[in-house]
C-alpha atoms as a PDB file:
ATOM      1  CA  MET A   1    -203.047-167.638 102.776  1.00  0.00           C
ATOM      2  CA  LYS A   2    -202.192-167.859  98.419  1.00  0.00           C
ATOM      3  CA  ASP A   3    -204.193-164.841  97.946  1.00  0.00           C
ATOM      4  CA  HIS A   4    -203.109-162.985 100.597  1.00  0.00           C
ATOM      5  CA  GLY A   5    -199.586-163.876  99.419  1.00  0.00           C
ATOM      6  CA  VAL A   6    -200.667-162.697  96.058  1.00  0.00           C
ATOM      7  CA  LEU A   7    -202.184-159.267  97.757  1.00  0.00           C
ATOM      8  CA  THR A   8    -198.702-158.772  99.564  1.00  0.00           C
ATOM      9  CA  GLU A   9    -196.300-158.992  96.550  1.00  0.00           C
ATOM     10  CA  ARG A  10    -198.815-156.669  94.833  1.00  0.00           C
ATOM     11  CA  LEU A  11    -198.364-153.908  97.643  1.00  0.00           C
ATOM     12  CA  ALA A  12    -194.407-154.519  97.713  1.00  0.00           C
ATOM     13  CA  MET A  13    -194.559-153.875  93.633  1.00  0.00           C
ATOM     14  CA  ALA A  14    -196.863-150.996  93.972  1.00  0.00           C
ATOM     15  CA  SER A  15    -194.237-149.326  96.963  1.00  0.00           C
ATOM     16  CA  THR A  16    -191.268-149.882  94.410  1.00  0.00           C
ATOM     17  CA  ILE A  17    -192.938-147.981  91.290  1.00  0.00           C
ATOM     18  CA  PRO A  18    -193.771-144.500  92.614  1.00  0.00           C
ATOM     19  CA  PRO A  19    -190.676-143.348  93.802  1.00  0.00           C
ATOM     20  CA  ALA A  20    -189.239-143.744  90.076  1.00  0.00           C
ATOM     21  CA  PHE A  21    -192.341-142.033  89.180  1.00  0.00           C
ATOM     22  CA  ASP A  22    -191.930-139.459  91.703  1.00  0.00           C
ATOM     23  CA  ALA A  23    -188.252-139.156  90.763  1.00  0.00           C
ATOM     24  CA  ASP A  24    -189.523-138.532  86.716  1.00  0.00           C
ATOM     25  CA  ALA A  25    -192.248-136.276  87.909  1.00  0.00           C
ATOM     26  CA  GLU A  26    -189.536-134.087  89.914  1.00  0.00           C
ATOM     27  CA  SER A  27    -187.100-134.416  86.625  1.00  0.00           C
ATOM     28  CA  ALA A  28    -189.847-133.002  84.490  1.00  0.00           C
ATOM     29  CA  ALA A  29    -190.840-130.095  86.976  1.00  0.00           C
ATOM     30  CA  ALA A  30    -186.960-129.346  87.214  1.00  0.00           C
ATOM     31  CA  ALA A  31    -186.548-129.327  83.754  1.00  0.00           C
ATOM     32  CA  ILE A  32    -189.793-127.012  83.194  1.00  0.00           C
ATOM     33  CA  ALA A  33    -188.565-124.761  85.642  1.00  0.00           C
ATOM     34  CA  THR A  34    -185.008-124.252  84.593  1.00  0.00           C
ATOM     35  CA  GLY A  35    -186.949-123.915  80.725  1.00  0.00           C
ATOM     36  CA  ALA A  36    -189.541-120.788  82.234  1.00  0.00           C
ATOM     37  CA  ALA A  37    -186.418-119.348  83.775  1.00  0.00           C
ATOM     38  CA  ALA A  38    -184.249-119.627  80.802  1.00  0.00           C
ATOM     39  CA  THR A  39    -187.099-118.031  78.617  1.00  0.00           C
ATOM     40  CA  ASP A  40    -188.088-115.570  81.522  1.00  0.00           C
ATOM     41  CA  PRO A  41    -187.122-112.029  80.523  1.00  0.00           C
ATOM     42  CA  GLY A  42    -186.229-110.929  83.792  1.00  0.00           C
ATOM     43  CA  VAL A  43    -184.090-113.537  84.494  1.00  0.00           C
ATOM     44  CA  ALA A  44    -182.164-113.244  81.245  1.00  0.00           C
ATOM     45  CA  ARG A  45    -181.883-109.539  81.980  1.00  0.00           C
ATOM     46  CA  ARG A  46    -180.481-109.947  85.467  1.00  0.00           C
ATOM     47  CA  ARG A  47    -177.984-112.365  83.895  1.00  0.00           C
ATOM     48  CA  GLN A  48    -176.978-109.974  81.123  1.00  0.00           C
ATOM     49  CA  ASN A  49    -176.544-107.384  83.819  1.00  0.00           C
ATOM     50  CA  ARG A  50    -174.201-109.646  85.602  1.00  0.00           C
ATOM     51  CA  ARG A  51    -172.523-110.545  83.128  1.00  0.00           C
ATOM     52  CA  ARG A  52    -171.831-107.078  81.829  1.00  0.00           C
ATOM     53  CA  ARG A  53    -170.607-106.077  85.271  1.00  0.00           C
ATOM     54  CA  LEU A  54    -168.493-108.943  85.165  1.00  0.00           C
ATOM     55  CA  THR A  55    -167.250-107.435  82.288  1.00  0.00           C
ATOM     56  CA  VAL A  56    -166.789-104.080  83.661  1.00  0.00           C
ATOM     57  CA  TYR A  57    -164.590-105.027  86.384  1.00  0.00           C
ATOM     58  CA  VAL A  58    -162.407-107.047  84.676  1.00  0.00           C
ATOM     59  CA  LEU A  59    -161.758-104.652  81.817  1.00  0.00           C
ATOM     60  CA  ARG A  60    -161.235-101.538  85.041  1.00  0.00           C
ATOM     61  CA  VAL A  61    -158.277-103.855  86.353  1.00  0.00           C
ATOM     62  CA  LEU A  62    -156.871-104.561  83.220  1.00  0.00           C
ATOM     63  CA  THR A  63    -156.823-101.057  82.266  1.00  0.00           C
ATOM     64  CA  ALA A  64    -155.299-100.385  85.990  1.00  0.00           C
ATOM     65  CA  VAL A  65    -152.145-103.405  85.358  1.00  0.00           C
ATOM     66  CA  VAL A  66    -151.556-101.352  81.558  1.00  0.00           C
ATOM     67  CA  TRP A  67    -151.929 -98.288  82.521  1.00  0.00           C
ATOM     68  CA  ILE A  68    -149.139 -98.895  85.997  1.00  0.00           C
ATOM     69  CA  GLY A  69    -147.266-101.375  84.245  1.00  0.00           C
ATOM     70  CA  SER A  70    -146.686 -99.207  80.917  1.00  0.00           C
ATOM     71  CA  TRP A  71    -145.597 -96.001  83.487  1.00  0.00           C
ATOM     72  CA  GLU A  72    -143.489 -98.778  85.160  1.00  0.00           C
ATOM     73  CA  LEU A  73    -141.626-100.218  82.324  1.00  0.00           C
ATOM     74  CA  SER A  74    -141.002 -96.672  80.655  1.00  0.00           C
ATOM     75  CA  THR A  75    -139.185 -95.399  83.653  1.00  0.00           C
ATOM     76  CA  ARG A  76    -137.337 -98.534  84.322  1.00  0.00           C
ATOM     77  CA  LEU A  77    -136.321 -98.491  79.964  1.00  0.00           C
ATOM     78  CA  GLY A  78    -135.502 -95.017  80.750  1.00  0.00           C
ATOM     79  CA  ILE A  79    -138.087 -93.802  78.024  1.00  0.00           C
ATOM     80  CA  VAL A  80    -140.019 -91.680  81.178  1.00  0.00           C
ATOM     81  CA  ASP A  81    -137.154 -89.885  83.469  1.00  0.00           C
ATOM     82  CA  LYS A  82    -138.529 -91.004  86.713  1.00  0.00           C
ATOM     83  CA  PHE A  83    -136.773 -88.168  88.350  1.00  0.00           C
ATOM     84  CA  PHE A  84    -139.725 -85.602  86.838  1.00  0.00           C
ATOM     85  CA  PHE A  85    -142.856 -88.120  86.963  1.00  0.00           C
ATOM     86  CA  GLY A  86    -142.020 -90.915  89.571  1.00  0.00           C
ATOM     87  CA  GLN A  87    -142.449 -94.236  89.375  1.00  0.00           C
ATOM     88  CA  PRO A  88    -145.489 -96.926  90.715  1.00  0.00           C
ATOM     89  CA  SER A  89    -142.915 -98.798  92.871  1.00  0.00           C
ATOM     90  CA  GLY A  90    -141.434 -95.647  94.359  1.00  0.00           C
ATOM     91  CA  ILE A  91    -145.014 -94.741  95.113  1.00  0.00           C
ATOM     92  CA  TYR A  92    -145.701 -98.203  96.599  1.00  0.00           C
ATOM     93  CA  ASP A  93    -142.587 -97.892  98.655  1.00  0.00           C
ATOM     94  CA  ARG A  94    -143.714 -94.478  99.861  1.00  0.00           C
ATOM     95  CA  LEU A  95    -146.978 -95.687 100.958  1.00  0.00           C
ATOM     96  CA  HIS A  96    -145.475 -98.936 102.687  1.00  0.00           C
ATOM     97  CA  THR A  97    -143.085 -96.486 104.582  1.00  0.00           C
ATOM     98  CA  TRP A  98    -145.818 -94.216 105.853  1.00  0.00           C
ATOM     99  CA  VAL A  99    -148.165 -97.167 106.840  1.00  0.00           C
ATOM    100  CA  THR A 100    -145.237 -98.813 108.682  1.00  0.00           C
ATOM    101  CA  GLU A 101    -143.238 -95.762 109.671  1.00  0.00           C
ATOM    102  CA  GLY A 102    -145.354 -92.980 109.356  1.00  0.00           C
ATOM    103  CA  THR A 103    -144.325 -89.587 107.631  1.00  0.00           C
ATOM    104  CA  ALA A 104    -142.093 -86.652 108.213  1.00  0.00           C
ATOM    105  CA  LEU A 105    -144.712 -85.015 109.944  1.00  0.00           C
ATOM    106  CA  GLY A 106    -146.206 -87.875 112.579  1.00  0.00           C
ATOM    107  CA  PRO A 107    -148.172 -90.854 112.012  1.00  0.00           C
ATOM    108  CA  LEU A 108    -150.159 -91.126 108.491  1.00  0.00           C
ATOM    109  CA  TRP A 109    -153.413 -91.504 110.163  1.00  0.00           C
ATOM    110  CA  GLN A 110    -152.970 -88.361 111.629  1.00  0.00           C
ATOM    111  CA  GLN A 111    -152.398 -86.240 108.505  1.00  0.00           C
ATOM    112  CA  VAL A 112    -155.744 -88.038 106.673  1.00  0.00           C
ATOM    113  CA  ALA A 113    -157.405 -87.197 109.794  1.00  0.00           C
ATOM    114  CA  VAL A 114    -156.641 -83.723 109.819  1.00  0.00           C
ATOM    115  CA  THR A 115    -157.336 -83.021 105.891  1.00  0.00           C
ATOM    116  CA  MET A 116    -160.525 -85.245 106.196  1.00  0.00           C
ATOM    117  CA  GLU A 117    -161.739 -82.731 109.206  1.00  0.00           C
ATOM    118  CA  GLU A 118    -161.206 -79.675 107.130  1.00  0.00           C
ATOM    119  CA  THR A 119    -162.518 -81.675 103.982  1.00  0.00           C
ATOM    120  CA  VAL A 120    -166.280 -83.072 105.917  1.00  0.00           C
ATOM    121  CA  LEU A 121    -166.451 -79.459 107.646  1.00  0.00           C
ATOM    122  CA  GLY A 122    -166.307 -77.619 104.542  1.00  0.00           C
ATOM    123  CA  PHE A 123    -168.389 -79.802 102.594  1.00  0.00           C
ATOM    124  CA  LEU A 124    -171.269 -79.296 105.090  1.00  0.00           C
ATOM    125  CA  VAL A 125    -170.836 -75.487 105.517  1.00  0.00           C
ATOM    126  CA  GLY A 126    -170.501 -75.075 101.715  1.00  0.00           C
ATOM    127  CA  SER A 127    -173.841 -77.567 101.080  1.00  0.00           C
ATOM    128  CA  ILE A 128    -175.831 -76.168 103.834  1.00  0.00           C
ATOM    129  CA  LEU A 129    -175.396 -72.132 102.748  1.00  0.00           C
ATOM    130  CA  GLY A 130    -175.451 -73.595  99.373  1.00  0.00           C
ATOM    131  CA  VAL A 131    -178.919 -75.053  99.415  1.00  0.00           C
ATOM    132  CA  ILE A 132    -180.101 -72.528 101.715  1.00  0.00           C
ATOM    133  CA  PHE A 133    -179.316 -69.256  99.377  1.00  0.00           C
ATOM    134  CA  GLY A 134    -179.898 -71.796  96.289  1.00  0.00           C
ATOM    135  CA  ILE A 135    -183.926 -72.202  97.664  1.00  0.00           C
ATOM    136  CA  LEU A 136    -183.863 -68.678  98.454  1.00  0.00           C
ATOM    137  CA  LEU A 137    -183.087 -66.481  95.664  1.00  0.00           C
ATOM    138  CA  GLY A 138    -184.403 -69.290  92.919  1.00  0.00           C
ATOM    139  CA  ARG A 139    -187.868 -68.650  94.733  1.00  0.00           C
ATOM    140  CA  ASN A 140    -187.628 -64.724  94.876  1.00  0.00           C
ATOM    141  CA  ARG A 141    -186.943 -63.287  91.645  1.00  0.00           C
ATOM    142  CA  LEU A 142    -186.527 -59.773  93.311  1.00  0.00           C
ATOM    143  CA  LEU A 143    -183.855 -61.030  95.317  1.00  0.00           C
ATOM    144  CA  SER A 144    -181.881 -63.068  92.643  1.00  0.00           C
ATOM    145  CA  ASP A 145    -182.198 -59.977  90.425  1.00  0.00           C
ATOM    146  CA  VAL A 146    -180.462 -57.796  92.730  1.00  0.00           C
ATOM    147  CA  LEU A 147    -177.651 -60.516  94.478  1.00  0.00           C
ATOM    148  CA  SER A 148    -176.634 -62.212  91.297  1.00  0.00           C
ATOM    149  CA  PRO A 149    -173.945 -59.629  89.875  1.00  0.00           C
ATOM    150  CA  TYR A 150    -172.914 -59.795  93.382  1.00  0.00           C
ATOM    151  CA  ILE A 151    -172.589 -63.568  93.535  1.00  0.00           C
ATOM    152  CA  LYS A 152    -170.977 -63.523  89.923  1.00  0.00           C
ATOM    153  CA  ALA A 153    -168.627 -61.410  90.930  1.00  0.00           C
ATOM    154  CA  LEU A 154    -167.472 -63.288  93.709  1.00  0.00           C
ATOM    155  CA  ASN A 155    -167.593 -66.809  91.722  1.00  0.00           C
ATOM    156  CA  SER A 156    -165.013 -65.061  89.422  1.00  0.00           C
ATOM    157  CA  ILE A 157    -162.320 -64.213  91.909  1.00  0.00           C
ATOM    158  CA  PRO A 158    -159.788 -67.072  91.952  1.00  0.00           C
ATOM    159  CA  ARG A 159    -160.099 -69.598  95.078  1.00  0.00           C
ATOM    160  CA  VAL A 160    -155.934 -69.218  95.521  1.00  0.00           C
ATOM    161  CA  VAL A 161    -156.701 -65.753  96.395  1.00  0.00           C
ATOM    162  CA  LEU A 162    -159.555 -66.756  98.750  1.00  0.00           C
ATOM    163  CA  GLY A 163    -157.683 -68.848 100.627  1.00  0.00           C
ATOM    164  CA  ALA A 164    -154.786 -66.231 101.476  1.00  0.00           C
ATOM    165  CA  LEU A 165    -157.056 -64.099 102.341  1.00  0.00           C
ATOM    166  CA  PHE A 166    -158.664 -66.659 104.689  1.00  0.00           C
ATOM    167  CA  ALA A 167    -155.156 -67.550 105.967  1.00  0.00           C
ATOM    168  CA  ILE A 168    -154.558 -63.676 106.406  1.00  0.00           C
ATOM    169  CA  SER A 169    -157.617 -62.718 108.242  1.00  0.00           C
ATOM    170  CA  LEU A 170    -158.367 -66.555 109.934  1.00  0.00           C
ATOM    171  CA  GLY A 171    -154.758 -67.749 110.754  1.00  0.00           C
ATOM    172  CA  LEU A 172    -153.006 -71.172 109.741  1.00  0.00           C
ATOM    173  CA  ASP A 173    -155.797 -73.039 112.073  1.00  0.00           C
ATOM    174  CA  LEU A 174    -158.690 -75.237 111.117  1.00  0.00           C
ATOM    175  CA  ARG A 175    -160.984 -72.359 110.089  1.00  0.00           C
ATOM    176  CA  SER A 176    -159.028 -71.178 107.098  1.00  0.00           C
ATOM    177  CA  LYS A 177    -158.997 -74.448 105.621  1.00  0.00           C
ATOM    178  CA  VAL A 178    -162.946 -74.615 106.363  1.00  0.00           C
ATOM    179  CA  ALA A 179    -163.346 -71.677 104.860  1.00  0.00           C
ATOM    180  CA  THR A 180    -161.466 -72.372 101.867  1.00  0.00           C
ATOM    181  CA  ALA A 181    -163.154 -75.528 101.099  1.00  0.00           C
ATOM    182  CA  ALA A 182    -166.545 -74.118 102.377  1.00  0.00           C
ATOM    183  CA  VAL A 183    -165.878 -71.423  98.983  1.00  0.00           C
ATOM    184  CA  LEU A 184    -165.756 -73.874  96.472  1.00  0.00           C
ATOM    185  CA  VAL A 185    -168.657 -75.957  97.669  1.00  0.00           C
ATOM    186  CA  PHE A 186    -171.139 -73.327  98.231  1.00  0.00           C
ATOM    187  CA  PHE A 187    -170.633 -72.213  94.509  1.00  0.00           C
ATOM    188  CA  VAL A 188    -171.570 -75.578  93.239  1.00  0.00           C
ATOM    189  CA  VAL A 189    -174.393 -76.939  95.439  1.00  0.00           C
ATOM    190  CA  PHE A 190    -175.834 -73.372  95.228  1.00  0.00           C
ATOM    191  CA  PHE A 191    -175.919 -72.958  91.197  1.00  0.00           C
ATOM    192  CA  ASN A 192    -177.254 -76.452  91.151  1.00  0.00           C
ATOM    193  CA  ALA A 193    -179.946 -75.653  93.751  1.00  0.00           C
ATOM    194  CA  PHE A 194    -180.916 -72.345  92.089  1.00  0.00           C
ATOM    195  CA  GLN A 195    -181.522 -73.957  88.906  1.00  0.00           C
ATOM    196  CA  GLY A 196    -183.537 -77.093  90.714  1.00  0.00           C
ATOM    197  CA  VAL A 197    -186.040 -74.696  91.879  1.00  0.00           C
ATOM    198  CA  ARG A 198    -186.314 -72.900  88.690  1.00  0.00           C
ATOM    199  CA  GLU A 199    -187.486 -75.945  87.140  1.00  0.00           C
ATOM    200  CA  VAL A 200    -189.674 -76.747  89.410  1.00  0.00           C
ATOM    201  CA  ASP A 201    -193.439 -77.530  87.778  1.00  0.00           C
ATOM    202  CA  GLN A 202    -195.329 -74.025  88.222  1.00  0.00           C
ATOM    203  CA  ASN A 203    -198.510 -75.736  87.503  1.00  0.00           C
ATOM    204  CA  LEU A 204    -198.010 -78.475  90.680  1.00  0.00           C
ATOM    205  CA  VAL A 205    -197.028 -75.467  92.774  1.00  0.00           C
ATOM    206  CA  ALA A 206    -200.476 -73.553  91.798  1.00  0.00           C
ATOM    207  CA  ASN A 207    -202.401 -76.685  91.876  1.00  0.00           C
ATOM    208  CA  VAL A 208    -201.046 -77.058  95.573  1.00  0.00           C
ATOM    209  CA  ARG A 209    -201.306 -73.899  96.788  1.00  0.00           C
ATOM    210  CA  VAL A 210    -205.394 -73.848  95.269  1.00  0.00           C
ATOM    211  CA  LEU A 211    -205.651 -76.785  98.048  1.00  0.00           C
ATOM    212  CA  GLY A 212    -204.580 -74.324 100.614  1.00  0.00           C
ATOM    213  CA  ALA A 213    -200.775 -75.078 101.008  1.00  0.00           C
ATOM    214  CA  SER A 214    -198.789 -72.510 102.707  1.00  0.00           C
ATOM    215  CA  PRO A 215    -195.610 -71.290 101.551  1.00  0.00           C
ATOM    216  CA  ILE A 216    -193.194 -72.996 103.956  1.00  0.00           C
ATOM    217  CA  GLN A 217    -195.368 -76.534 103.156  1.00  0.00           C
ATOM    218  CA  VAL A 218    -195.066 -75.853  99.316  1.00  0.00           C
ATOM    219  CA  ALA A 219    -191.240 -75.718  99.912  1.00  0.00           C
ATOM    220  CA  VAL A 220    -191.222 -78.834 101.794  1.00  0.00           C
ATOM    221  CA  HIS A 221    -193.317 -80.869 100.088  1.00  0.00           C
ATOM    222  CA  VAL A 222    -192.819 -79.502  96.289  1.00  0.00           C
ATOM    223  CA  THR A 223    -190.206 -77.137  95.762  1.00  0.00           C
ATOM    224  CA  ILE A 224    -187.277 -78.739  97.647  1.00  0.00           C
ATOM    225  CA  PRO A 225    -188.056 -82.340  96.831  1.00  0.00           C
ATOM    226  CA  SER A 226    -188.198 -81.186  92.785  1.00  0.00           C
ATOM    227  CA  ALA A 227    -184.889 -79.661  93.444  1.00  0.00           C
ATOM    228  CA  MET A 228    -183.455 -82.567  95.285  1.00  0.00           C
ATOM    229  CA  THR A 229    -182.249 -84.507  92.653  1.00  0.00           C
ATOM    230  CA  TRP A 230    -180.080 -81.103  91.246  1.00  0.00           C
ATOM    231  CA  ILE A 231    -178.887 -80.927  94.714  1.00  0.00           C
ATOM    232  CA  ILE A 232    -177.525 -84.687  95.059  1.00  0.00           C
ATOM    233  CA  ALA A 233    -175.921 -84.291  91.673  1.00  0.00           C
ATOM    234  CA  SER A 234    -174.152 -81.500  92.544  1.00  0.00           C
ATOM    235  CA  LEU A 235    -172.714 -82.890  95.826  1.00  0.00           C
ATOM    236  CA  HIS A 236    -170.475 -85.517  93.750  1.00  0.00           C
ATOM    237  CA  THR A 237    -168.813 -83.087  92.676  1.00  0.00           C
ATOM    238  CA  ALA A 238    -168.941 -80.890  95.490  1.00  0.00           C
ATOM    239  CA  PHE A 239    -167.178 -83.215  97.654  1.00  0.00           C
ATOM    240  CA  GLY A 240    -164.360 -83.153  95.609  1.00  0.00           C
ATOM    241  CA  PHE A 241    -163.850 -79.620  95.417  1.00  0.00           C
ATOM    242  CA  ALA A 242    -163.741 -79.772  99.254  1.00  0.00           C
ATOM    243  CA  ILE A 243    -160.605 -81.662  99.191  1.00  0.00           C
ATOM    244  CA  ILE A 244    -159.552 -79.180  96.907  1.00  0.00           C
ATOM    245  CA  GLY A 245    -160.254 -76.086  98.613  1.00  0.00           C
ATOM    246  CA  ALA A 246    -158.819 -78.312 101.888  1.00  0.00           C
ATOM    247  CA  LEU A 247    -155.331 -79.242 100.132  1.00  0.00           C
ATOM    248  CA  VAL A 248    -155.064 -76.016  99.150  1.00  0.00           C
ATOM    249  CA  ALA A 249    -155.148 -74.029 102.354  1.00  0.00           C
ATOM    250  CA  GLU A 250    -152.588 -76.717 103.646  1.00  0.00           C
ATOM    251  CA  VAL A 251    -150.211 -75.532 100.705  1.00  0.00           C
ATOM    252  CA  LEU A 252    -150.883 -72.082 101.611  1.00  0.00           C
ATOM    253  CA  GLY A 253    -149.894 -73.105 105.536  1.00  0.00           C
ATOM    254  CA  ALA A 254    -150.650 -75.489 107.721  1.00  0.00           C
ATOM    255  CA  GLN A 255    -148.555 -77.601 110.512  1.00  0.00           C
ATOM    256  CA  HIS A 256    -149.733 -81.027 109.645  1.00  0.00           C
ATOM    257  CA  GLY A 257    -152.000 -82.678 106.360  1.00  0.00           C
ATOM    258  CA  ILE A 258    -151.803 -84.042 103.250  1.00  0.00           C
ATOM    259  CA  GLY A 259    -151.599 -80.208 101.456  1.00  0.00           C
ATOM    260  CA  LEU A 260    -148.120 -79.874 103.693  1.00  0.00           C
ATOM    261  CA  ILE A 261    -146.791 -83.106 102.542  1.00  0.00           C
ATOM    262  CA  ILE A 262    -147.377 -81.788  99.209  1.00  0.00           C
ATOM    263  CA  SER A 263    -145.967 -78.707  99.383  1.00  0.00           C
ATOM    264  CA  GLN A 264    -142.668 -80.016 101.099  1.00  0.00           C
ATOM    265  CA  ALA A 265    -142.802 -82.829  98.147  1.00  0.00           C
ATOM    266  CA  GLN A 266    -142.531 -79.872  95.860  1.00  0.00           C
ATOM    267  CA  GLY A 267    -139.685 -78.263  97.346  1.00  0.00           C
ATOM    268  CA  THR A 268    -137.581 -81.668  97.427  1.00  0.00           C
ATOM    269  CA  PHE A 269    -138.441 -82.450  93.892  1.00  0.00           C
ATOM    270  CA  ASP A 270    -140.228 -85.762  95.269  1.00  0.00           C
ATOM    271  CA  PRO A 271    -142.554 -86.817  92.677  1.00  0.00           C
ATOM    272  CA  ASN A 272    -143.389 -90.302  94.308  1.00  0.00           C
ATOM    273  CA  THR A 273    -144.430 -88.744  97.257  1.00  0.00           C
ATOM    274  CA  VAL A 274    -146.759 -86.243  95.437  1.00  0.00           C
ATOM    275  CA  PHE A 275    -148.114 -89.442  93.520  1.00  0.00           C
ATOM    276  CA  ALA A 276    -148.640 -91.198  96.646  1.00  0.00           C
ATOM    277  CA  CYS A 277    -150.628 -88.149  98.161  1.00  0.00           C
ATOM    278  CA  MET A 278    -152.958 -88.454  95.385  1.00  0.00           C
ATOM    279  CA  VAL A 279    -153.828 -91.969  95.428  1.00  0.00           C
ATOM    280  CA  ILE A 280    -154.638 -91.768  99.136  1.00  0.00           C
ATOM    281  CA  ILE A 281    -156.703 -88.641  97.720  1.00  0.00           C
ATOM    282  CA  ALA A 282    -158.481 -90.959  95.209  1.00  0.00           C
ATOM    283  CA  VAL A 283    -159.436 -93.651  97.698  1.00  0.00           C
ATOM    284  CA  ILE A 284    -160.940 -90.999  99.910  1.00  0.00           C
ATOM    285  CA  THR A 285    -162.747 -89.443  97.172  1.00  0.00           C
ATOM    286  CA  LEU A 286    -164.185 -92.767  96.099  1.00  0.00           C
ATOM    287  CA  GLY A 287    -165.377 -93.951  99.586  1.00  0.00           C
ATOM    288  CA  ALA A 288    -167.178 -90.598  99.772  1.00  0.00           C
ATOM    289  CA  GLU A 289    -168.723 -91.086  96.346  1.00  0.00           C
ATOM    290  CA  TYR A 290    -170.095 -94.368  97.333  1.00  0.00           C
ATOM    291  CA  LEU A 291    -171.508 -92.726 100.651  1.00  0.00           C
ATOM    292  CA  ILE A 292    -173.268 -89.828  98.579  1.00  0.00           C
ATOM    293  CA  THR A 293    -174.554 -92.475  96.362  1.00  0.00           C
ATOM    294  CA  VAL A 294    -176.035 -94.837  98.801  1.00  0.00           C
ATOM    295  CA  LEU A 295    -177.284 -91.234  99.808  1.00  0.00           C
ATOM    296  CA  GLU A 296    -179.153 -90.391  96.636  1.00  0.00           C
ATOM    297  CA  ARG A 297    -180.760 -93.557  96.563  1.00  0.00           C
ATOM    298  CA  SER A 298    -182.389 -93.548  99.675  1.00  0.00           C
ATOM    299  CA  LEU A 299    -183.432 -89.646  99.186  1.00  0.00           C
ATOM    300  CA  LEU A 300    -184.936 -89.971  95.670  1.00  0.00           C
ATOM    301  CA  LYS A 301    -186.242 -93.920  96.164  1.00  0.00           C
ATOM    302  CA  TRP A 302    -189.574 -91.829  94.737  1.00  0.00           C
ATOM    303  CA  ARG A 303    -188.129 -90.964  91.736  1.00  0.00           C
ATOM    304  CA  PRO A 304    -188.782 -93.048  88.940  1.00  0.00           C
ATOM    305  CA  PRO A 305    -185.772 -95.031  87.127  1.00  0.00           C
ATOM    306  CA  ASN A 306    -184.609 -93.281  84.082  1.00  0.00           C
ATOM    307  CA  ARG A 307    -183.348 -95.427  81.085  1.00  0.00           C
ATOM    308  CA  SER A 308    -179.755 -96.276  82.621  1.00  0.00           C
ATOM    309  CA  ASP A 309    -181.366 -97.350  85.921  1.00  0.00           C
ATOM    310  CA  ALA A 310    -183.912 -99.446  84.370  1.00  0.00           C
ATOM    311  CA  GLN A 311    -181.370-101.279  82.372  1.00  0.00           C
ATOM    312  CA  ALA A 312    -179.628-102.340  85.806  1.00  0.00           C
ATOM    313  CA  ILE A 313    -182.465-103.727  87.726  1.00  0.00           C
END
């Protein structure tokens, strides 16, 4: 019985010791993991990138606060005449009125929807035509040499003149707005697609042809993917030109739209309304820029990251 009691006591002591050792072992393992994470270059780089993004966001907000605050203060002190340059508080009041009560032309969403419809349609039409003609002329040197002076002559025509011609020939409905926006987009995308095709590695094209690829296969699998970087890069700028085209066409004549609101505000010397429309346009453009960036990342996954992209990983 005595030996049994000693054995029981030792077993009890043994059962109380391992948890402490386990806790110490877990603490040591956690410390080792923390130290390894701290010395891991990937973890340190991600932390550095997070700090940089936070710094960028803070500086962006600070820039906006300083800019808008100085603008508001200068107009209140009379340093800047708000009759000509508007006032941030007046712009906010105008936007609040539009959201809650609508504009003089109707609900705000209706004006934005009309302008967006014209912009998106013009963007799509101009982009598609720009890509098609850019690739076609980029691959056919004879055709590009023949049509080159005509394209340059058309590109030199002021867009306001083209907008007026479209308003006369197509009327003041959707067609003239889409045509004006499409013309502005077309030349931006066309020249990028044209140059992108010309920059394709000809050795790669020759190797693919040696393997028996047809002209269509060469275009689909080599030319277009190689020029896609140029084409996508042009879309970032092209959407802004599409909005400009739609607004110019609305200023020339329309029944609804943000451009018509700007035209009426110009006639009544109302800078707050003009700036309020600019805020709406800026928000739309930033949203479109984000969507184009997402499209670019999905279409160009095969492209190796450049220096800036590699630092952001």
